[in-house]
Amino acid sequence: MKKLILTALVAVATLTANAQLWVGGEVGYNHSRTTEHKHELSKSNNFVLLPEVGYKLNDKFDVAVKIGYAHGENGNDMLGFDIPGNYDYANAFILNPYVRYTFAKAGDFSFFADGGFSYMNGHVCGDENSINAWQIAIKPGISYAISEKVGLVAHVGGIGYSYAKYDIYKTNGFDLGVSGNNITFGAYVNF
């Protein structure tokens, strides 16, 4: 038993010795407006703030988690989650653990795919019902190293399955592609 514990400790120490901690985050914003003969019928605004922390295990793999906040107005979409029903204002908490695989590098640019699970719990203002949603997705992205310690990152589109429930409404969705609702930009700092 002592040998097993010692072997496990050596394995963990080896992984953490090679790991590099990084922190960062992303922001996303979407505005849409519907008009008919120059008369505004509706408009919506969505905003998301996603701070994150991660470990670079090696040149190809990172593990990380995003914990953030989303706000939506006059719509039914929030951070790529298709929320059933319509709402005036909604605020939500988001938890998103994921694994990043970097599949190509070209100079200071890196191309990657994040695969993970997202959970969102939100509250619609003026309503006692909450929004519960989850998503499994693979999201491609690109990063640019400004320096050895600082980088920029962007995600565009992806492929995934999502489920959302609000009051008596439920939505199941399969996503493939790019839209203005699922583009995010961010920055990170390596330690």
C-alpha atoms as a PDB file:
ATOM      1  CA  MET A   1       0.000   0.000   0.000  1.00  0.00           C
ATOM      2  CA  LYS A   2       2.845   2.404   0.817  1.00  0.00           C
ATOM      3  CA  LYS A   3       4.433   1.727  -2.581  1.00  0.00           C
ATOM      4  CA  LEU A   4       1.130   2.490  -4.338  1.00  0.00           C
ATOM      5  CA  ILE A   5       0.723   5.805  -2.484  1.00  0.00           C
ATOM      6  CA  LEU A   6       4.362   6.745  -3.145  1.00  0.00           C
ATOM      7  CA  THR A   7       3.968   5.912  -6.867  1.00  0.00           C
ATOM      8  CA  ALA A   8       0.809   8.050  -7.055  1.00  0.00           C
ATOM      9  CA  LEU A   9       2.578  10.977  -5.348  1.00  0.00           C
ATOM     10  CA  VAL A  10       5.521  10.746  -7.760  1.00  0.00           C
ATOM     11  CA  ALA A  11       3.126  10.686 -10.729  1.00  0.00           C
ATOM     12  CA  VAL A  12       1.250  13.766  -9.465  1.00  0.00           C
ATOM     13  CA  ALA A  13       4.524  15.585  -8.728  1.00  0.00           C
ATOM     14  CA  THR A  14       5.789  14.807 -12.236  1.00  0.00           C
ATOM     15  CA  LEU A  15       2.604  16.131 -13.850  1.00  0.00           C
ATOM     16  CA  THR A  16       2.561  19.319 -11.797  1.00  0.00           C
ATOM     17  CA  ALA A  17       6.274  19.929 -12.364  1.00  0.00           C
ATOM     18  CA  ASN A  18       5.614  19.967 -16.117  1.00  0.00           C
ATOM     19  CA  ALA A  19       2.363  21.905 -15.834  1.00  0.00           C
ATOM     20  CA  GLN A  20       2.137  25.614 -16.394  1.00  0.00           C
ATOM     21  CA  LEU A  21      -0.645  27.598 -14.709  1.00  0.00           C
ATOM     22  CA  TRP A  22      -2.485  30.203 -16.737  1.00  0.00           C
ATOM     23  CA  VAL A  23      -5.368  32.558 -16.003  1.00  0.00           C
ATOM     24  CA  GLY A  24      -7.460  34.586 -18.360  1.00  0.00           C
ATOM     25  CA  GLY A  25     -10.948  34.974 -19.590  1.00  0.00           C
ATOM     26  CA  GLU A  26     -13.257  35.810 -22.424  1.00  0.00           C
ATOM     27  CA  VAL A  27     -16.021  38.275 -23.106  1.00  0.00           C
ATOM     28  CA  GLY A  28     -18.774  38.004 -25.667  1.00  0.00           C
ATOM     29  CA  TYR A  29     -21.457  40.415 -26.840  1.00  0.00           C
ATOM     30  CA  ASN A  30     -24.298  40.073 -29.310  1.00  0.00           C
ATOM     31  CA  HIS A  31     -26.824  42.697 -30.411  1.00  0.00           C
ATOM     32  CA  SER A  32     -29.654  42.024 -32.821  1.00  0.00           C
ATOM     33  CA  ARG A  33     -32.481  44.210 -34.064  1.00  0.00           C
ATOM     34  CA  THR A  34     -35.572  43.355 -36.111  1.00  0.00           C
ATOM     35  CA  THR A  35     -37.300  46.070 -38.150  1.00  0.00           C
ATOM     36  CA  GLU A  36     -40.186  46.308 -40.565  1.00  0.00           C
ATOM     37  CA  HIS A  37     -40.170  49.314 -42.907  1.00  0.00           C
ATOM     38  CA  LYS A  38     -37.783  51.176 -40.568  1.00  0.00           C
ATOM     39  CA  HIS A  39     -40.055  50.481 -37.572  1.00  0.00           C
ATOM     40  CA  GLU A  40     -38.285  48.584 -34.801  1.00  0.00           C
ATOM     41  CA  LEU A  41     -40.138  45.403 -33.856  1.00  0.00           C
ATOM     42  CA  SER A  42     -37.615  44.033 -31.370  1.00  0.00           C
ATOM     43  CA  LYS A  43     -34.018  44.137 -30.275  1.00  0.00           C
ATOM     44  CA  SER A  44     -31.910  41.979 -27.999  1.00  0.00           C
ATOM     45  CA  ASN A  45     -28.585  42.243 -26.229  1.00  0.00           C
ATOM     46  CA  ASN A  46     -26.525  39.407 -24.784  1.00  0.00           C
ATOM     47  CA  PHE A  47     -23.322  39.741 -22.759  1.00  0.00           C
ATOM     48  CA  VAL A  48     -21.045  37.130 -21.194  1.00  0.00           C
ATOM     49  CA  LEU A  49     -17.986  37.377 -18.919  1.00  0.00           C
ATOM     50  CA  LEU A  50     -16.004  34.149 -18.447  1.00  0.00           C
ATOM     51  CA  PRO A  51     -12.862  34.247 -16.274  1.00  0.00           C
ATOM     52  CA  GLU A  52     -10.888  31.014 -16.438  1.00  0.00           C
ATOM     53  CA  VAL A  53      -7.941  29.167 -14.954  1.00  0.00           C
ATOM     54  CA  GLY A  54      -6.028  26.283 -16.495  1.00  0.00           C
ATOM     55  CA  TYR A  55      -2.960  24.078 -16.546  1.00  0.00           C
ATOM     56  CA  LYS A  56      -0.789  23.462 -19.586  1.00  0.00           C
ATOM     57  CA  LEU A  57       0.124  19.800 -19.203  1.00  0.00           C
ATOM     58  CA  ASN A  58       2.339  19.680 -22.314  1.00  0.00           C
ATOM     59  CA  ASP A  59       2.587  21.223 -25.796  1.00  0.00           C
ATOM     60  CA  LYS A  60      -0.688  19.588 -26.894  1.00  0.00           C
ATOM     61  CA  PHE A  61      -3.005  19.430 -23.866  1.00  0.00           C
ATOM     62  CA  ASP A  62      -4.452  21.889 -21.353  1.00  0.00           C
ATOM     63  CA  VAL A  63      -7.169  21.376 -18.732  1.00  0.00           C
ATOM     64  CA  ALA A  64      -9.176  24.367 -17.567  1.00  0.00           C
ATOM     65  CA  VAL A  65     -12.409  25.655 -16.085  1.00  0.00           C
ATOM     66  CA  LYS A  66     -14.439  28.784 -16.834  1.00  0.00           C
ATOM     67  CA  ILE A  67     -16.772  30.201 -14.203  1.00  0.00           C
ATOM     68  CA  GLY A  68     -18.751  33.178 -15.366  1.00  0.00           C
ATOM     69  CA  TYR A  69     -21.781  35.377 -15.750  1.00  0.00           C
ATOM     70  CA  ALA A  70     -24.177  35.966 -18.652  1.00  0.00           C
ATOM     71  CA  HIS A  71     -26.875  38.596 -19.143  1.00  0.00           C
ATOM     72  CA  GLY A  72     -29.542  38.557 -21.821  1.00  0.00           C
ATOM     73  CA  GLU A  73     -32.291  41.000 -22.816  1.00  0.00           C
ATOM     74  CA  ASN A  74     -35.416  40.474 -24.942  1.00  0.00           C
ATOM     75  CA  GLY A  75     -34.620  37.160 -26.507  1.00  0.00           C
ATOM     76  CA  ASN A  76     -34.198  33.463 -26.147  1.00  0.00           C
ATOM     77  CA  ASP A  77     -30.493  32.923 -26.738  1.00  0.00           C
ATOM     78  CA  MET A  78     -27.698  33.295 -24.192  1.00  0.00           C
ATOM     79  CA  LEU A  79     -24.076  32.248 -24.911  1.00  0.00           C
ATOM     80  CA  GLY A  80     -25.205  29.779 -27.565  1.00  0.00           C
ATOM     81  CA  PHE A  81     -27.804  28.214 -25.239  1.00  0.00           C
ATOM     82  CA  ASP A  82     -31.190  28.288 -26.974  1.00  0.00           C
ATOM     83  CA  ILE A  83     -33.498  29.193 -24.073  1.00  0.00           C
ATOM     84  CA  PRO A  84     -37.137  28.155 -24.531  1.00  0.00           C
ATOM     85  CA  GLY A  85     -39.785  30.869 -24.264  1.00  0.00           C
ATOM     86  CA  ASN A  86     -39.014  34.575 -24.315  1.00  0.00           C
ATOM     87  CA  TYR A  87     -37.838  36.822 -21.512  1.00  0.00           C
ATOM     88  CA  ASP A  88     -37.267  40.537 -20.912  1.00  0.00           C
ATOM     89  CA  TYR A  89     -34.100  40.233 -18.781  1.00  0.00           C
ATOM     90  CA  ALA A  90     -32.181  37.192 -17.576  1.00  0.00           C
ATOM     91  CA  ASN A  91     -28.971  36.722 -15.578  1.00  0.00           C
ATOM     92  CA  ALA A  92     -27.107  33.423 -15.371  1.00  0.00           C
ATOM     93  CA  PHE A  93     -24.185  31.617 -13.709  1.00  0.00           C
ATOM     94  CA  ILE A  94     -22.033  29.443 -16.009  1.00  0.00           C
ATOM     95  CA  LEU A  95     -19.634  26.598 -15.185  1.00  0.00           C
ATOM     96  CA  ASN A  96     -17.551  25.130 -18.030  1.00  0.00           C
ATOM     97  CA  PRO A  97     -14.737  22.590 -17.412  1.00  0.00           C
ATOM     98  CA  TYR A  98     -12.919  21.571 -20.596  1.00  0.00           C
ATOM     99  CA  VAL A  99      -9.853  20.007 -22.198  1.00  0.00           C
ATOM    100  CA  ARG A 100      -7.937  21.907 -24.894  1.00  0.00           C
ATOM    101  CA  TYR A 101      -6.076  20.071 -27.653  1.00  0.00           C
ATOM    102  CA  THR A 102      -3.651  22.170 -29.717  1.00  0.00           C
ATOM    103  CA  PHE A 103      -3.421  20.521 -33.119  1.00  0.00           C
ATOM    104  CA  ALA A 104      -1.300  23.019 -35.088  1.00  0.00           C
ATOM    105  CA  LYS A 105       1.120  25.907 -34.587  1.00  0.00           C
ATOM    106  CA  ALA A 106       2.356  28.486 -37.079  1.00  0.00           C
ATOM    107  CA  GLY A 107       4.774  30.991 -35.597  1.00  0.00           C
ATOM    108  CA  ASP A 108       3.018  32.788 -32.748  1.00  0.00           C
ATOM    109  CA  PHE A 109      -0.402  31.354 -33.744  1.00  0.00           C
ATOM    110  CA  SER A 110      -1.873  28.163 -32.268  1.00  0.00           C
ATOM    111  CA  PHE A 111      -4.977  26.368 -33.521  1.00  0.00           C
ATOM    112  CA  PHE A 112      -6.933  24.305 -31.006  1.00  0.00           C
ATOM    113  CA  ALA A 113     -10.212  22.615 -30.116  1.00  0.00           C
ATOM    114  CA  ASP A 114     -11.831  22.799 -26.671  1.00  0.00           C
ATOM    115  CA  GLY A 115     -14.006  19.859 -25.685  1.00  0.00           C
ATOM    116  CA  GLY A 116     -16.104  20.173 -22.593  1.00  0.00           C
ATOM    117  CA  PHE A 117     -19.322  20.393 -20.662  1.00  0.00           C
ATOM    118  CA  SER A 118     -21.145  23.654 -19.851  1.00  0.00           C
ATOM    119  CA  TYR A 119     -23.831  24.186 -17.238  1.00  0.00           C
ATOM    120  CA  MET A 120     -25.911  27.338 -16.926  1.00  0.00           C
ATOM    121  CA  ASN A 121     -28.363  28.287 -14.188  1.00  0.00           C
ATOM    122  CA  GLY A 122     -30.209  31.535 -14.692  1.00  0.00           C
ATOM    123  CA  HIS A 123     -32.940  33.697 -13.271  1.00  0.00           C
ATOM    124  CA  VAL A 124     -35.482  35.591 -15.349  1.00  0.00           C
ATOM    125  CA  CYS A 125     -36.250  38.973 -13.781  1.00  0.00           C
ATOM    126  CA  GLY A 126     -39.815  39.113 -12.505  1.00  0.00           C
ATOM    127  CA  ASP A 127     -40.286  35.338 -12.648  1.00  0.00           C
ATOM    128  CA  GLU A 128     -39.791  32.748  -9.925  1.00  0.00           C
ATOM    129  CA  ASN A 129     -38.834  30.042 -12.458  1.00  0.00           C
ATOM    130  CA  SER A 130     -35.173  29.497 -13.243  1.00  0.00           C
ATOM    131  CA  ILE A 131     -33.387  28.539 -16.441  1.00  0.00           C
ATOM    132  CA  ASN A 132     -31.361  25.324 -16.312  1.00  0.00           C
ATOM    133  CA  ALA A 133     -29.287  24.401 -19.339  1.00  0.00           C
ATOM    134  CA  TRP A 134     -26.345  22.190 -20.215  1.00  0.00           C
ATOM    135  CA  GLN A 135     -24.245  21.663 -23.303  1.00  0.00           C
ATOM    136  CA  ILE A 136     -21.617  19.215 -24.544  1.00  0.00           C
ATOM    137  CA  ALA A 137     -19.518  20.781 -27.289  1.00  0.00           C
ATOM    138  CA  ILE A 138     -16.276  20.929 -29.214  1.00  0.00           C
ATOM    139  CA  LYS A 139     -15.313  24.517 -30.016  1.00  0.00           C
ATOM    140  CA  PRO A 140     -12.455  25.440 -32.371  1.00  0.00           C
ATOM    141  CA  GLY A 141     -10.276  28.413 -31.599  1.00  0.00           C
ATOM    142  CA  ILE A 142      -7.122  30.309 -32.343  1.00  0.00           C
ATOM    143  CA  SER A 143      -4.607  31.926 -30.013  1.00  0.00           C
ATOM    144  CA  TYR A 144      -1.861  34.438 -30.642  1.00  0.00           C
ATOM    145  CA  ALA A 145       1.152  34.727 -28.326  1.00  0.00           C
ATOM    146  CA  ILE A 146       1.908  38.426 -27.803  1.00  0.00           C
ATOM    147  CA  SER A 147       4.842  37.430 -25.598  1.00  0.00           C
ATOM    148  CA  GLU A 148       6.010  34.384 -23.673  1.00  0.00           C
ATOM    149  CA  LYS A 149       3.588  35.292 -20.852  1.00  0.00           C
ATOM    150  CA  VAL A 150       0.599  36.969 -22.597  1.00  0.00           C
ATOM    151  CA  GLY A 151      -1.704  35.702 -25.326  1.00  0.00           C
ATOM    152  CA  LEU A 152      -4.974  36.465 -27.080  1.00  0.00           C
ATOM    153  CA  VAL A 153      -7.623  33.848 -27.819  1.00  0.00           C
ATOM    154  CA  ALA A 154     -10.830  33.614 -29.883  1.00  0.00           C
ATOM    155  CA  HIS A 155     -13.478  30.915 -30.273  1.00  0.00           C
ATOM    156  CA  VAL A 156     -15.776  30.717 -33.267  1.00  0.00           C
ATOM    157  CA  GLY A 157     -18.688  28.307 -33.571  1.00  0.00           C
ATOM    158  CA  GLY A 158     -18.494  24.637 -32.811  1.00  0.00           C
ATOM    159  CA  ILE A 159     -20.386  21.390 -32.759  1.00  0.00           C
ATOM    160  CA  GLY A 160     -22.452  20.211 -29.848  1.00  0.00           C
ATOM    161  CA  TYR A 161     -25.694  19.198 -28.194  1.00  0.00           C
ATOM    162  CA  SER A 162     -27.602  21.352 -25.709  1.00  0.00           C
ATOM    163  CA  TYR A 163     -30.655  21.058 -23.489  1.00  0.00           C
ATOM    164  CA  ALA A 164     -32.494  23.864 -21.714  1.00  0.00           C
ATOM    165  CA  LYS A 165     -35.552  24.087 -19.483  1.00  0.00           C
ATOM    166  CA  TYR A 166     -37.418  27.216 -18.428  1.00  0.00           C
ATOM    167  CA  ASP A 167     -40.827  27.034 -16.718  1.00  0.00           C
ATOM    168  CA  ILE A 168     -42.941  24.642 -18.842  1.00  0.00           C
ATOM    169  CA  TYR A 169     -40.680  24.991 -21.907  1.00  0.00           C
ATOM    170  CA  LYS A 170     -37.890  22.618 -22.934  1.00  0.00           C
ATOM    171  CA  THR A 171     -35.433  22.873 -25.811  1.00  0.00           C
ATOM    172  CA  ASN A 172     -33.077  20.254 -27.252  1.00  0.00           C
ATOM    173  CA  GLY A 173     -30.620  21.456 -29.834  1.00  0.00           C
ATOM    174  CA  PHE A 174     -27.814  20.257 -32.051  1.00  0.00           C
ATOM    175  CA  ASP A 175     -25.385  22.978 -33.119  1.00  0.00           C
ATOM    176  CA  LEU A 176     -22.986  22.947 -36.047  1.00  0.00           C
ATOM    177  CA  GLY A 177     -21.480  26.116 -37.422  1.00  0.00           C
ATOM    178  CA  VAL A 178     -20.866  29.767 -36.706  1.00  0.00           C
ATOM    179  CA  SER A 179     -23.196  32.576 -35.676  1.00  0.00           C
ATOM    180  CA  GLY A 180     -22.809  35.967 -34.013  1.00  0.00           C
ATOM    181  CA  ASN A 181     -24.035  34.435 -30.751  1.00  0.00           C
ATOM    182  CA  ASN A 182     -21.092  32.090 -30.264  1.00  0.00           C
ATOM    183  CA  ILE A 183     -18.006  34.201 -30.978  1.00  0.00           C
ATOM    184  CA  THR A 184     -15.887  35.136 -27.954  1.00  0.00           C
ATOM    185  CA  PHE A 185     -12.581  36.968 -27.521  1.00  0.00           C
ATOM    186  CA  GLY A 186     -10.222  36.836 -24.583  1.00  0.00           C
ATOM    187  CA  ALA A 187      -6.735  37.064 -23.178  1.00  0.00           C
ATOM    188  CA  TYR A 188      -4.614  34.970 -20.828  1.00  0.00           C
ATOM    189  CA  VAL A 189      -1.448  35.241 -18.770  1.00  0.00           C
ATOM    190  CA  ASN A 190       0.967  32.328 -18.234  1.00  0.00           C
ATOM    191  CA  PHE A 191       2.708  31.959 -14.888  1.00  0.00           C
END
